Amino acid sequence: MNGFKKFLLQGDLVSLAVAFVIGGAFATVVKAMVTVIMDLVGKAGGTPDFSSYHPGGVHVGALITALIAFVVLAAIVYFAIVAPYTKAKERFFPEPEPGATELDVLNEIRDLLAAKNV
């Protein structure tokens, strides 16, 4: 029973649960934004729903609508989340300057010991 309680209260499990909840809420926001942009596309060039388009009897309209929605969704996620996150991460958490590795230090110690014994 103690193992089960430890598993449930483990930090990784709680973090994962929070991520799923926030992700679900964020998906709703992104879908609403895609709807707004698709409506704007519709205002500019006609209907944003191509489901009734089927040249030669092949229903490609739903695929066209899904592809446009996917591109809009990807653009929103990239420009609203990924790009600002990357800039903030670089600004507030810069990569440390590369220093000597463990192997470099060990080689230096070896060389010093070899020079001392000569």
PDB file of N, CA and C in Angstrom:
ATOM      1  N   MET A   1       0.825  -1.198   0.000  1.00  0.00           N
ATOM      2  CA  MET A   1       0.000   0.000   0.000  1.00  0.00           C
ATOM      3  C   MET A   1       0.867   1.258   0.000  1.00  0.00           C
ATOM      4  N   ASN A   2       2.001   1.225   0.718  1.00  0.00           N
ATOM      5  CA  ASN A   2       2.886   2.387   0.747  1.00  0.00           C
ATOM      6  C   ASN A   2       3.444   2.704  -0.635  1.00  0.00           C
ATOM      7  N   GLY A   3       3.763   1.657  -1.392  1.00  0.00           N
ATOM      8  CA  GLY A   3       4.266   1.867  -2.747  1.00  0.00           C
ATOM      9  C   GLY A   3       3.238   2.558  -3.630  1.00  0.00           C
ATOM     10  N   PHE A   4       1.973   2.178  -3.488  1.00  0.00           N
ATOM     11  CA  PHE A   4       0.907   2.787  -4.279  1.00  0.00           C
ATOM     12  C   PHE A   4       0.732   4.250  -3.906  1.00  0.00           C
ATOM     13  N   LYS A   5       0.763   4.557  -2.592  1.00  0.00           N
ATOM     14  CA  LYS A   5       0.639   5.954  -2.162  1.00  0.00           C
ATOM     15  C   LYS A   5       1.817   6.775  -2.673  1.00  0.00           C
ATOM     16  N   LYS A   6       3.002   6.194  -2.631  1.00  0.00           N
ATOM     17  CA  LYS A   6       4.177   6.900  -3.132  1.00  0.00           C
ATOM     18  C   LYS A   6       4.040   7.175  -4.621  1.00  0.00           C
ATOM     19  N   PHE A   7       3.524   6.199  -5.358  1.00  0.00           N
ATOM     20  CA  PHE A   7       3.309   6.363  -6.792  1.00  0.00           C
ATOM     21  C   PHE A   7       2.311   7.487  -7.074  1.00  0.00           C
ATOM     22  N   LEU A   8       1.210   7.511  -6.332  1.00  0.00           N
ATOM     23  CA  LEU A   8       0.183   8.525  -6.562  1.00  0.00           C
ATOM     24  C   LEU A   8       0.663   9.927  -6.204  1.00  0.00           C
ATOM     25  N   LEU A   9       1.467  10.036  -5.184  1.00  0.00           N
ATOM     26  CA  LEU A   9       1.920  11.344  -4.732  1.00  0.00           C
ATOM     27  C   LEU A   9       3.255  11.756  -5.349  1.00  0.00           C
ATOM     28  N   GLN A  10       3.738  10.965  -6.241  1.00  0.00           N
ATOM     29  CA  GLN A  10       4.996  11.246  -6.899  1.00  0.00           C
ATOM     30  C   GLN A  10       4.862  12.533  -7.717  1.00  0.00           C
ATOM     31  N   GLY A  11       5.880  13.354  -7.708  1.00  0.00           N
ATOM     32  CA  GLY A  11       5.837  14.646  -8.396  1.00  0.00           C
ATOM     33  C   GLY A  11       5.609  14.530  -9.889  1.00  0.00           C
ATOM     34  N   ASP A  12       6.199  13.516 -10.525  1.00  0.00           N
ATOM     35  CA  ASP A  12       6.051  13.374 -11.966  1.00  0.00           C
ATOM     36  C   ASP A  12       4.605  13.089 -12.350  1.00  0.00           C
ATOM     37  N   LEU A  13       3.933  12.280 -11.582  1.00  0.00           N
ATOM     38  CA  LEU A  13       2.550  11.933 -11.889  1.00  0.00           C
ATOM     39  C   LEU A  13       1.648  13.155 -11.749  1.00  0.00           C
ATOM     40  N   VAL A  14       1.846  13.934 -10.710  1.00  0.00           N
ATOM     41  CA  VAL A  14       1.044  15.138 -10.509  1.00  0.00           C
ATOM     42  C   VAL A  14       1.327  16.140 -11.622  1.00  0.00           C
ATOM     43  N   SER A  15       2.583  16.319 -11.992  1.00  0.00           N
ATOM     44  CA  SER A  15       2.942  17.241 -13.074  1.00  0.00           C
ATOM     45  C   SER A  15       2.305  16.807 -14.386  1.00  0.00           C
ATOM     46  N   LEU A  16       2.309  15.518 -14.640  1.00  0.00           N
ATOM     47  CA  LEU A  16       1.701  15.006 -15.863  1.00  0.00           C
ATOM     48  C   LEU A  16       0.194  15.247 -15.870  1.00  0.00           C
ATOM     49  N   ALA A  17      -0.456  15.041 -14.737  1.00  0.00           N
ATOM     50  CA  ALA A  17      -1.897  15.282 -14.656  1.00  0.00           C
ATOM     51  C   ALA A  17      -2.216  16.754 -14.894  1.00  0.00           C
ATOM     52  N   VAL A  18      -1.430  17.631 -14.302  1.00  0.00           N
ATOM     53  CA  VAL A  18      -1.641  19.071 -14.508  1.00  0.00           C
ATOM     54  C   VAL A  18      -1.427  19.423 -15.981  1.00  0.00           C
ATOM     55  N   ALA A  19      -0.415  18.831 -16.599  1.00  0.00           N
ATOM     56  CA  ALA A  19      -0.149  19.100 -18.012  1.00  0.00           C
ATOM     57  C   ALA A  19      -1.333  18.679 -18.887  1.00  0.00           C
ATOM     58  N   PHE A  20      -1.935  17.546 -18.596  1.00  0.00           N
ATOM     59  CA  PHE A  20      -3.091  17.107 -19.379  1.00  0.00           C
ATOM     60  C   PHE A  20      -4.276  18.053 -19.208  1.00  0.00           C
ATOM     61  N   VAL A  21      -4.524  18.489 -18.000  1.00  0.00           N
ATOM     62  CA  VAL A  21      -5.646  19.402 -17.750  1.00  0.00           C
ATOM     63  C   VAL A  21      -5.413  20.730 -18.457  1.00  0.00           C
ATOM     64  N   ILE A  22      -4.226  21.286 -18.307  1.00  0.00           N
ATOM     65  CA  ILE A  22      -3.906  22.557 -18.957  1.00  0.00           C
ATOM     66  C   ILE A  22      -3.917  22.387 -20.478  1.00  0.00           C
ATOM     67  N   GLY A  23      -3.403  21.270 -20.957  1.00  0.00           N
ATOM     68  CA  GLY A  23      -3.409  21.008 -22.393  1.00  0.00           C
ATOM     69  C   GLY A  23      -4.811  20.941 -22.960  1.00  0.00           C
ATOM     70  N   GLY A  24      -5.719  20.308 -22.243  1.00  0.00           N
ATOM     71  CA  GLY A  24      -7.113  20.252 -22.696  1.00  0.00           C
ATOM     72  C   GLY A  24      -7.754  21.628 -22.739  1.00  0.00           C
ATOM     73  N   ALA A  25      -7.502  22.428 -21.721  1.00  0.00           N
ATOM     74  CA  ALA A  25      -8.054  23.785 -21.704  1.00  0.00           C
ATOM     75  C   ALA A  25      -7.434  24.627 -22.819  1.00  0.00           C
ATOM     76  N   PHE A  26      -6.141  24.456 -23.032  1.00  0.00           N
ATOM     77  CA  PHE A  26      -5.466  25.223 -24.073  1.00  0.00           C
ATOM     78  C   PHE A  26      -5.952  24.811 -25.457  1.00  0.00           C
ATOM     79  N   ALA A  27      -6.264  23.534 -25.640  1.00  0.00           N
ATOM     80  CA  ALA A  27      -6.781  23.064 -26.933  1.00  0.00           C
ATOM     81  C   ALA A  27      -8.079  23.770 -27.278  1.00  0.00           C
ATOM     82  N   THR A  28      -8.916  24.023 -26.289  1.00  0.00           N
ATOM     83  CA  THR A  28     -10.167  24.741 -26.529  1.00  0.00           C
ATOM     84  C   THR A  28      -9.888  26.159 -27.016  1.00  0.00           C
ATOM     85  N   VAL A  29      -8.912  26.812 -26.408  1.00  0.00           N
ATOM     86  CA  VAL A  29      -8.558  28.173 -26.819  1.00  0.00           C
ATOM     87  C   VAL A  29      -8.020  28.175 -28.251  1.00  0.00           C
ATOM     88  N   VAL A  30      -7.155  27.226 -28.567  1.00  0.00           N
ATOM     89  CA  VAL A  30      -6.579  27.166 -29.912  1.00  0.00           C
ATOM     90  C   VAL A  30      -7.654  26.862 -30.942  1.00  0.00           C
ATOM     91  N   LYS A  31      -8.576  25.956 -30.631  1.00  0.00           N
ATOM     92  CA  LYS A  31      -9.664  25.651 -31.568  1.00  0.00           C
ATOM     93  C   LYS A  31     -10.528  26.879 -31.817  1.00  0.00           C
ATOM     94  N   ALA A  32     -10.798  27.652 -30.773  1.00  0.00           N
ATOM     95  CA  ALA A  32     -11.590  28.873 -30.941  1.00  0.00           C
ATOM     96  C   ALA A  32     -10.848  29.870 -31.824  1.00  0.00           C
ATOM     97  N   MET A  33      -9.524  29.981 -31.632  1.00  0.00           N
ATOM     98  CA  MET A  33      -8.734  30.890 -32.456  1.00  0.00           C
ATOM     99  C   MET A  33      -8.723  30.436 -33.913  1.00  0.00           C
ATOM    100  N   VAL A  34      -8.636  29.134 -34.143  1.00  0.00           N
ATOM    101  CA  VAL A  34      -8.690  28.606 -35.508  1.00  0.00           C
ATOM    102  C   VAL A  34     -10.051  28.921 -36.132  1.00  0.00           C
ATOM    103  N   THR A  35     -11.107  28.795 -35.373  1.00  0.00           N
ATOM    104  CA  THR A  35     -12.441  29.117 -35.877  1.00  0.00           C
ATOM    105  C   THR A  35     -12.519  30.577 -36.288  1.00  0.00           C
ATOM    106  N   VAL A  36     -11.979  31.462 -35.457  1.00  0.00           N
ATOM    107  CA  VAL A  36     -11.992  32.893 -35.783  1.00  0.00           C
ATOM    108  C   VAL A  36     -11.217  33.147 -37.078  1.00  0.00           C
ATOM    109  N   ILE A  37     -10.036  32.556 -37.197  1.00  0.00           N
ATOM    110  CA  ILE A  37      -9.232  32.779 -38.403  1.00  0.00           C
ATOM    111  C   ILE A  37      -9.904  32.165 -39.622  1.00  0.00           C
ATOM    112  N   MET A  38     -10.502  30.995 -39.466  1.00  0.00           N
ATOM    113  CA  MET A  38     -11.221  30.392 -40.600  1.00  0.00           C
ATOM    114  C   MET A  38     -12.408  31.264 -41.013  1.00  0.00           C
ATOM    115  N   ASP A  39     -13.078  31.883 -40.043  1.00  0.00           N
ATOM    116  CA  ASP A  39     -14.159  32.809 -40.380  1.00  0.00           C
ATOM    117  C   ASP A  39     -13.632  34.018 -41.143  1.00  0.00           C
ATOM    118  N   LEU A  40     -12.459  34.515 -40.742  1.00  0.00           N
ATOM    119  CA  LEU A  40     -11.852  35.635 -41.467  1.00  0.00           C
ATOM    120  C   LEU A  40     -11.468  35.225 -42.883  1.00  0.00           C
ATOM    121  N   VAL A  41     -10.955  33.991 -43.046  1.00  0.00           N
ATOM    122  CA  VAL A  41     -10.664  33.474 -44.383  1.00  0.00           C
ATOM    123  C   VAL A  41     -11.950  33.402 -45.192  1.00  0.00           C
ATOM    124  N   GLY A  42     -13.021  32.976 -44.555  1.00  0.00           N
ATOM    125  CA  GLY A  42     -14.307  32.896 -45.222  1.00  0.00           C
ATOM    126  C   GLY A  42     -14.822  34.262 -45.654  1.00  0.00           C
ATOM    127  N   LYS A  43     -14.614  35.270 -44.819  1.00  0.00           N
ATOM    128  CA  LYS A  43     -15.044  36.630 -45.179  1.00  0.00           C
ATOM    129  C   LYS A  43     -14.242  37.145 -46.370  1.00  0.00           C
ATOM    130  N   ALA A  44     -12.952  36.783 -46.425  1.00  0.00           N
ATOM    131  CA  ALA A  44     -12.104  37.267 -47.508  1.00  0.00           C
ATOM    132  C   ALA A  44     -12.360  36.535 -48.825  1.00  0.00           C
ATOM    133  N   GLY A  45     -12.585  35.231 -48.758  1.00  0.00           N
ATOM    134  CA  GLY A  45     -12.676  34.477 -50.003  1.00  0.00           C
ATOM    135  C   GLY A  45     -13.865  33.563 -50.113  1.00  0.00           C
ATOM    136  N   GLY A  46     -14.926  33.821 -49.431  1.00  0.00           N
ATOM    137  CA  GLY A  46     -16.085  32.946 -49.500  1.00  0.00           C
ATOM    138  C   GLY A  46     -16.167  32.082 -48.265  1.00  0.00           C
ATOM    139  N   THR A  47     -16.832  30.981 -48.382  1.00  0.00           N
ATOM    140  CA  THR A  47     -17.066  30.110 -47.232  1.00  0.00           C
ATOM    141  C   THR A  47     -15.784  29.405 -46.797  1.00  0.00           C
ATOM    142  N   PRO A  48     -15.492  29.325 -45.477  1.00  0.00           N
ATOM    143  CA  PRO A  48     -14.304  28.613 -45.038  1.00  0.00           C
ATOM    144  C   PRO A  48     -14.514  27.108 -44.957  1.00  0.00           C
ATOM    145  N   ASP A  49     -15.718  26.648 -45.235  1.00  0.00           N
ATOM    146  CA  ASP A  49     -16.029  25.222 -45.164  1.00  0.00           C
ATOM    147  C   ASP A  49     -16.192  24.703 -46.591  1.00  0.00           C
ATOM    148  N   PHE A  50     -15.245  23.878 -47.013  1.00  0.00           N
ATOM    149  CA  PHE A  50     -15.257  23.364 -48.379  1.00  0.00           C
ATOM    150  C   PHE A  50     -15.861  21.968 -48.464  1.00  0.00           C
ATOM    151  N   SER A  51     -16.619  21.562 -47.460  1.00  0.00           N
ATOM    152  CA  SER A  51     -17.156  20.199 -47.407  1.00  0.00           C
ATOM    153  C   SER A  51     -18.063  19.874 -48.584  1.00  0.00           C
ATOM    154  N   SER A  52     -18.727  20.867 -49.130  1.00  0.00           N
ATOM    155  CA  SER A  52     -19.638  20.597 -50.247  1.00  0.00           C
ATOM    156  C   SER A  52     -18.905  20.544 -51.587  1.00  0.00           C
ATOM    157  N   TYR A  53     -17.611  20.785 -51.588  1.00  0.00           N
ATOM    158  CA  TYR A  53     -16.827  20.756 -52.825  1.00  0.00           C
ATOM    159  C   TYR A  53     -16.437  19.316 -53.135  1.00  0.00           C
ATOM    160  N   HIS A  54     -16.906  18.794 -54.269  1.00  0.00           N
ATOM    161  CA  HIS A  54     -16.562  17.428 -54.664  1.00  0.00           C
ATOM    162  C   HIS A  54     -16.503  17.338 -56.191  1.00  0.00           C
ATOM    163  N   PRO A  55     -15.346  17.700 -56.749  1.00  0.00           N
ATOM    164  CA  PRO A  55     -15.197  17.624 -58.200  1.00  0.00           C
ATOM    165  C   PRO A  55     -15.136  16.173 -58.669  1.00  0.00           C
ATOM    166  N   GLY A  56     -15.900  15.860 -59.677  1.00  0.00           N
ATOM    167  CA  GLY A  56     -15.913  14.508 -60.225  1.00  0.00           C
ATOM    168  C   GLY A  56     -16.452  13.471 -59.258  1.00  0.00           C
ATOM    169  N   GLY A  57     -17.200  13.898 -58.254  1.00  0.00           N
ATOM    170  CA  GLY A  57     -17.785  12.974 -57.301  1.00  0.00           C
ATOM    171  C   GLY A  57     -16.865  12.580 -56.155  1.00  0.00           C
ATOM    172  N   VAL A  58     -15.654  13.126 -56.128  1.00  0.00           N
ATOM    173  CA  VAL A  58     -14.709  12.824 -55.054  1.00  0.00           C
ATOM    174  C   VAL A  58     -14.825  13.928 -54.010  1.00  0.00           C
ATOM    175  N   HIS A  59     -15.111  13.553 -52.793  1.00  0.00           N
ATOM    176  CA  HIS A  59     -15.331  14.520 -51.720  1.00  0.00           C
ATOM    177  C   HIS A  59     -13.991  14.964 -51.125  1.00  0.00           C
ATOM    178  N   VAL A  60     -13.350  15.915 -51.762  1.00  0.00           N
ATOM    179  CA  VAL A  60     -12.072  16.430 -51.285  1.00  0.00           C
ATOM    180  C   VAL A  60     -12.248  17.695 -50.441  1.00  0.00           C
ATOM    181  N   GLY A  61     -13.449  18.197 -50.381  1.00  0.00           N
ATOM    182  CA  GLY A  61     -13.703  19.438 -49.660  1.00  0.00           C
ATOM    183  C   GLY A  61     -13.376  19.341 -48.181  1.00  0.00           C
ATOM    184  N   ALA A  62     -13.743  18.233 -47.539  1.00  0.00           N
ATOM    185  CA  ALA A  62     -13.450  18.062 -46.113  1.00  0.00           C
ATOM    186  C   ALA A  62     -11.942  18.017 -45.884  1.00  0.00           C
ATOM    187  N   LEU A  63     -11.209  17.399 -46.795  1.00  0.00           N
ATOM    188  CA  LEU A  63      -9.756  17.351 -46.680  1.00  0.00           C
ATOM    189  C   LEU A  63      -9.155  18.743 -46.818  1.00  0.00           C
ATOM    190  N   ILE A  64      -9.647  19.526 -47.761  1.00  0.00           N
ATOM    191  CA  ILE A  64      -9.150  20.896 -47.939  1.00  0.00           C
ATOM    192  C   ILE A  64      -9.418  21.719 -46.683  1.00  0.00           C
ATOM    193  N   THR A  65     -10.615  21.602 -46.124  1.00  0.00           N
ATOM    194  CA  THR A  65     -10.948  22.331 -44.897  1.00  0.00           C
ATOM    195  C   THR A  65     -10.029  21.900 -43.760  1.00  0.00           C
ATOM    196  N   ALA A  66      -9.796  20.607 -43.613  1.00  0.00           N
ATOM    197  CA  ALA A  66      -8.939  20.102 -42.546  1.00  0.00           C
ATOM    198  C   ALA A  66      -7.495  20.565 -42.735  1.00  0.00           C
ATOM    199  N   LEU A  67      -7.000  20.581 -43.964  1.00  0.00           N
ATOM    200  CA  LEU A  67      -5.632  21.038 -44.215  1.00  0.00           C
ATOM    201  C   LEU A  67      -5.463  22.521 -43.899  1.00  0.00           C
ATOM    202  N   ILE A  68      -6.432  23.334 -44.303  1.00  0.00           N
ATOM    203  CA  ILE A  68      -6.361  24.769 -43.994  1.00  0.00           C
ATOM    204  C   ILE A  68      -6.413  24.978 -42.485  1.00  0.00           C
ATOM    205  N   ALA A  69      -7.293  24.268 -41.803  1.00  0.00           N
ATOM    206  CA  ALA A  69      -7.399  24.391 -40.352  1.00  0.00           C
ATOM    207  C   ALA A  69      -6.100  23.946 -39.679  1.00  0.00           C
ATOM    208  N   PHE A  70      -5.470  22.899 -40.192  1.00  0.00           N
ATOM    209  CA  PHE A  70      -4.205  22.422 -39.624  1.00  0.00           C
ATOM    210  C   PHE A  70      -3.101  23.459 -39.777  1.00  0.00           C
ATOM    211  N   VAL A  71      -2.999  24.062 -40.955  1.00  0.00           N
ATOM    212  CA  VAL A  71      -1.971  25.075 -41.188  1.00  0.00           C
ATOM    213  C   VAL A  71      -2.200  26.278 -40.280  1.00  0.00           C
ATOM    214  N   VAL A  72      -3.448  26.689 -40.138  1.00  0.00           N
ATOM    215  CA  VAL A  72      -3.771  27.803 -39.241  1.00  0.00           C
ATOM    216  C   VAL A  72      -3.423  27.435 -37.803  1.00  0.00           C
ATOM    217  N   LEU A  73      -3.783  26.238 -37.373  1.00  0.00           N
ATOM    218  CA  LEU A  73      -3.481  25.783 -36.019  1.00  0.00           C
ATOM    219  C   LEU A  73      -1.972  25.743 -35.776  1.00  0.00           C
ATOM    220  N   ALA A  74      -1.220  25.216 -36.724  1.00  0.00           N
ATOM    221  CA  ALA A  74       0.233  25.146 -36.577  1.00  0.00           C
ATOM    222  C   ALA A  74       0.835  26.553 -36.495  1.00  0.00           C
ATOM    223  N   ALA A  75       0.334  27.482 -37.293  1.00  0.00           N
ATOM    224  CA  ALA A  75       0.838  28.855 -37.252  1.00  0.00           C
ATOM    225  C   ALA A  75       0.536  29.510 -35.906  1.00  0.00           C
ATOM    226  N   ILE A  76      -0.656  29.288 -35.382  1.00  0.00           N
ATOM    227  CA  ILE A  76      -1.017  29.860 -34.085  1.00  0.00           C
ATOM    228  C   ILE A  76      -0.120  29.301 -32.993  1.00  0.00           C
ATOM    229  N   VAL A  77       0.064  28.005 -32.975  1.00  0.00           N
ATOM    230  CA  VAL A  77       0.898  27.385 -31.945  1.00  0.00           C
ATOM    231  C   VAL A  77       2.337  27.882 -32.058  1.00  0.00           C
ATOM    232  N   TYR A  78       2.860  27.975 -33.281  1.00  0.00           N
ATOM    233  CA  TYR A  78       4.247  28.401 -33.437  1.00  0.00           C
ATOM    234  C   TYR A  78       4.432  29.870 -33.048  1.00  0.00           C
ATOM    235  N   PHE A  79       3.625  30.748 -33.636  1.00  0.00           N
ATOM    236  CA  PHE A  79       3.841  32.179 -33.429  1.00  0.00           C
ATOM    237  C   PHE A  79       3.344  32.676 -32.080  1.00  0.00           C
ATOM    238  N   ALA A  80       2.369  32.013 -31.488  1.00  0.00           N
ATOM    239  CA  ALA A  80       1.845  32.472 -30.199  1.00  0.00           C
ATOM    240  C   ALA A  80       2.505  31.783 -29.012  1.00  0.00           C
ATOM    241  N   ILE A  81       3.110  30.613 -29.237  1.00  0.00           N
ATOM    242  CA  ILE A  81       3.658  29.879 -28.092  1.00  0.00           C
ATOM    243  C   ILE A  81       5.132  29.543 -28.274  1.00  0.00           C
ATOM    244  N   VAL A  82       5.478  28.844 -29.329  1.00  0.00           N
ATOM    245  CA  VAL A  82       6.837  28.331 -29.478  1.00  0.00           C
ATOM    246  C   VAL A  82       7.848  29.470 -29.622  1.00  0.00           C
ATOM    247  N   ALA A  83       7.599  30.410 -30.522  1.00  0.00           N
ATOM    248  CA  ALA A  83       8.559  31.497 -30.742  1.00  0.00           C
ATOM    249  C   ALA A  83       8.732  32.370 -29.492  1.00  0.00           C
ATOM    250  N   PRO A  84       7.650  32.850 -28.845  1.00  0.00           N
ATOM    251  CA  PRO A  84       7.856  33.639 -27.631  1.00  0.00           C
ATOM    252  C   PRO A  84       8.516  32.840 -26.498  1.00  0.00           C
ATOM    253  N   TYR A  85       8.160  31.564 -26.361  1.00  0.00           N
ATOM    254  CA  TYR A  85       8.772  30.726 -25.328  1.00  0.00           C
ATOM    255  C   TYR A  85      10.274  30.583 -25.564  1.00  0.00           C
ATOM    256  N   THR A  86      10.664  30.361 -26.804  1.00  0.00           N
ATOM    257  CA  THR A  86      12.073  30.200 -27.134  1.00  0.00           C
ATOM    258  C   THR A  86      12.849  31.484 -26.836  1.00  0.00           C
ATOM    259  N   LYS A  87      12.278  32.631 -27.225  1.00  0.00           N
ATOM    260  CA  LYS A  87      12.949  33.907 -26.949  1.00  0.00           C
ATOM    261  C   LYS A  87      13.065  34.156 -25.447  1.00  0.00           C
ATOM    262  N   ALA A  88      11.998  33.884 -24.711  1.00  0.00           N
ATOM    263  CA  ALA A  88      12.037  34.086 -23.256  1.00  0.00           C
ATOM    264  C   ALA A  88      13.044  33.145 -22.603  1.00  0.00           C
ATOM    265  N   LYS A  89      13.085  31.908 -23.064  1.00  0.00           N
ATOM    266  CA  LYS A  89      14.024  30.938 -22.506  1.00  0.00           C
ATOM    267  C   LYS A  89      15.460  31.376 -22.763  1.00  0.00           C
ATOM    268  N   GLU A  90      15.747  31.853 -23.972  1.00  0.00           N
ATOM    269  CA  GLU A  90      17.098  32.320 -24.292  1.00  0.00           C
ATOM    270  C   GLU A  90      17.456  33.553 -23.482  1.00  0.00           C
ATOM    271  N   ARG A  91      16.477  34.411 -23.229  1.00  0.00           N
ATOM    272  CA  ARG A  91      16.747  35.651 -22.500  1.00  0.00           C
ATOM    273  C   ARG A  91      16.956  35.401 -21.012  1.00  0.00           C
ATOM    274  N   PHE A  92      16.073  34.613 -20.402  1.00  0.00           N
ATOM    275  CA  PHE A  92      16.112  34.429 -18.954  1.00  0.00           C
ATOM    276  C   PHE A  92      16.965  33.240 -18.512  1.00  0.00           C
ATOM    277  N   PHE A  93      17.164  32.265 -19.382  1.00  0.00           N
ATOM    278  CA  PHE A  93      17.961  31.085 -19.052  1.00  0.00           C
ATOM    279  C   PHE A  93      18.973  30.822 -20.161  1.00  0.00           C
ATOM    280  N   PRO A  94      19.985  31.691 -20.295  1.00  0.00           N
ATOM    281  CA  PRO A  94      20.953  31.502 -21.380  1.00  0.00           C
ATOM    282  C   PRO A  94      21.779  30.238 -21.161  1.00  0.00           C
ATOM    283  N   GLU A  95      22.250  29.711 -22.262  1.00  0.00           N
ATOM    284  CA  GLU A  95      23.095  28.521 -22.199  1.00  0.00           C
ATOM    285  C   GLU A  95      24.418  28.897 -21.541  1.00  0.00           C
ATOM    286  N   PRO A  96      24.912  28.073 -20.637  1.00  0.00           N
ATOM    287  CA  PRO A  96      26.194  28.391 -20.010  1.00  0.00           C
ATOM    288  C   PRO A  96      27.337  28.283 -21.021  1.00  0.00           C
ATOM    289  N   GLU A  97      28.369  29.071 -20.772  1.00  0.00           N
ATOM    290  CA  GLU A  97      29.536  29.026 -21.649  1.00  0.00           C
ATOM    291  C   GLU A  97      30.166  27.642 -21.560  1.00  0.00           C
ATOM    292  N   PRO A  98      30.564  27.097 -22.686  1.00  0.00           N
ATOM    293  CA  PRO A  98      31.186  25.772 -22.620  1.00  0.00           C
ATOM    294  C   PRO A  98      32.526  25.863 -21.895  1.00  0.00           C
ATOM    295  N   GLY A  99      32.677  25.010 -20.929  1.00  0.00           N
ATOM    296  CA  GLY A  99      33.914  24.979 -20.152  1.00  0.00           C
ATOM    297  C   GLY A  99      34.652  23.680 -20.387  1.00  0.00           C
ATOM    298  N   ALA A 100      35.604  23.448 -19.553  1.00  0.00           N
ATOM    299  CA  ALA A 100      36.389  22.222 -19.660  1.00  0.00           C
ATOM    300  C   ALA A 100      35.520  21.034 -19.253  1.00  0.00           C
ATOM    301  N   THR A 101      35.626  19.985 -20.020  1.00  0.00           N
ATOM    302  CA  THR A 101      34.888  18.774 -19.698  1.00  0.00           C
ATOM    303  C   THR A 101      35.691  17.952 -18.699  1.00  0.00           C
ATOM    304  N   GLU A 102      35.071  16.938 -18.167  1.00  0.00           N
ATOM    305  CA  GLU A 102      35.755  16.052 -17.222  1.00  0.00           C
ATOM    306  C   GLU A 102      36.983  15.417 -17.865  1.00  0.00           C
ATOM    307  N   LEU A 103      36.838  15.066 -19.133  1.00  0.00           N
ATOM    308  CA  LEU A 103      37.954  14.431 -19.842  1.00  0.00           C
ATOM    309  C   LEU A 103      39.126  15.399 -19.980  1.00  0.00           C
ATOM    310  N   ASP A 104      38.827  16.678 -20.258  1.00  0.00           N
ATOM    311  CA  ASP A 104      39.898  17.679 -20.351  1.00  0.00           C
ATOM    312  C   ASP A 104      40.629  17.819 -19.017  1.00  0.00           C
ATOM    313  N   VAL A 105      39.887  17.868 -17.937  1.00  0.00           N
ATOM    314  CA  VAL A 105      40.488  18.011 -16.611  1.00  0.00           C
ATOM    315  C   VAL A 105      41.341  16.791 -16.282  1.00  0.00           C
ATOM    316  N   LEU A 106      40.821  15.603 -16.566  1.00  0.00           N
ATOM    317  CA  LEU A 106      41.583  14.381 -16.302  1.00  0.00           C
ATOM    318  C   LEU A 106      42.856  14.325 -17.141  1.00  0.00           C
ATOM    319  N   ASN A 107      42.773  14.746 -18.396  1.00  0.00           N
ATOM    320  CA  ASN A 107      43.971  14.778 -19.242  1.00  0.00           C
ATOM    321  C   ASN A 107      44.993  15.771 -18.698  1.00  0.00           C
ATOM    322  N   GLU A 108      44.522  16.912 -18.209  1.00  0.00           N
ATOM    323  CA  GLU A 108      45.425  17.906 -17.633  1.00  0.00           C
ATOM    324  C   GLU A 108      46.111  17.361 -16.375  1.00  0.00           C
ATOM    325  N   ILE A 109      45.362  16.678 -15.532  1.00  0.00           N
ATOM    326  CA  ILE A 109      45.937  16.072 -14.326  1.00  0.00           C
ATOM    327  C   ILE A 109      46.971  15.019 -14.717  1.00  0.00           C
ATOM    328  N   ARG A 110      46.656  14.188 -15.693  1.00  0.00           N
ATOM    329  CA  ARG A 110      47.585  13.158 -16.158  1.00  0.00           C
ATOM    330  C   ARG A 110      48.874  13.788 -16.661  1.00  0.00           C
ATOM    331  N   ASP A 111      48.740  14.856 -17.463  1.00  0.00           N
ATOM    332  CA  ASP A 111      49.911  15.522 -17.995  1.00  0.00           C
ATOM    333  C   ASP A 111      50.761  16.145 -16.898  1.00  0.00           C
ATOM    334  N   LEU A 112      50.115  16.745 -15.888  1.00  0.00           N
ATOM    335  CA  LEU A 112      50.854  17.335 -14.762  1.00  0.00           C
ATOM    336  C   LEU A 112      51.592  16.260 -13.968  1.00  0.00           C
ATOM    337  N   LEU A 113      50.940  15.123 -13.733  1.00  0.00           N
ATOM    338  CA  LEU A 113      51.589  14.034 -13.000  1.00  0.00           C
ATOM    339  C   LEU A 113      52.746  13.440 -13.808  1.00  0.00           C
ATOM    340  N   ALA A 114      52.552  13.331 -15.116  1.00  0.00           N
ATOM    341  CA  ALA A 114      53.618  12.794 -15.962  1.00  0.00           C
ATOM    342  C   ALA A 114      54.804  13.751 -15.980  1.00  0.00           C
ATOM    343  N   ALA A 115      54.565  15.035 -16.012  1.00  0.00           N
ATOM    344  CA  ALA A 115      55.648  16.027 -16.040  1.00  0.00           C
ATOM    345  C   ALA A 115      56.372  16.046 -14.699  1.00  0.00           C
ATOM    346  N   LYS A 116      55.658  15.805 -13.626  1.00  0.00           N
ATOM    347  CA  LYS A 116      56.251  15.817 -12.278  1.00  0.00           C
ATOM    348  C   LYS A 116      57.166  14.607 -12.075  1.00  0.00           C
ATOM    349  N   ASN A 117      56.836  13.475 -12.679  1.00  0.00           N
ATOM    350  CA  ASN A 117      57.615  12.252 -12.516  1.00  0.00           C
ATOM    351  C   ASN A 117      58.845  12.229 -13.434  1.00  0.00           C
ATOM    352  N   VAL A 118      58.936  13.073 -14.403  1.00  0.00           N
ATOM    353  CA  VAL A 118      60.063  13.065 -15.336  1.00  0.00           C
ATOM    354  C   VAL A 118      61.260  13.731 -14.789  1.00  0.00           C
TER     355      VAL A 118
END
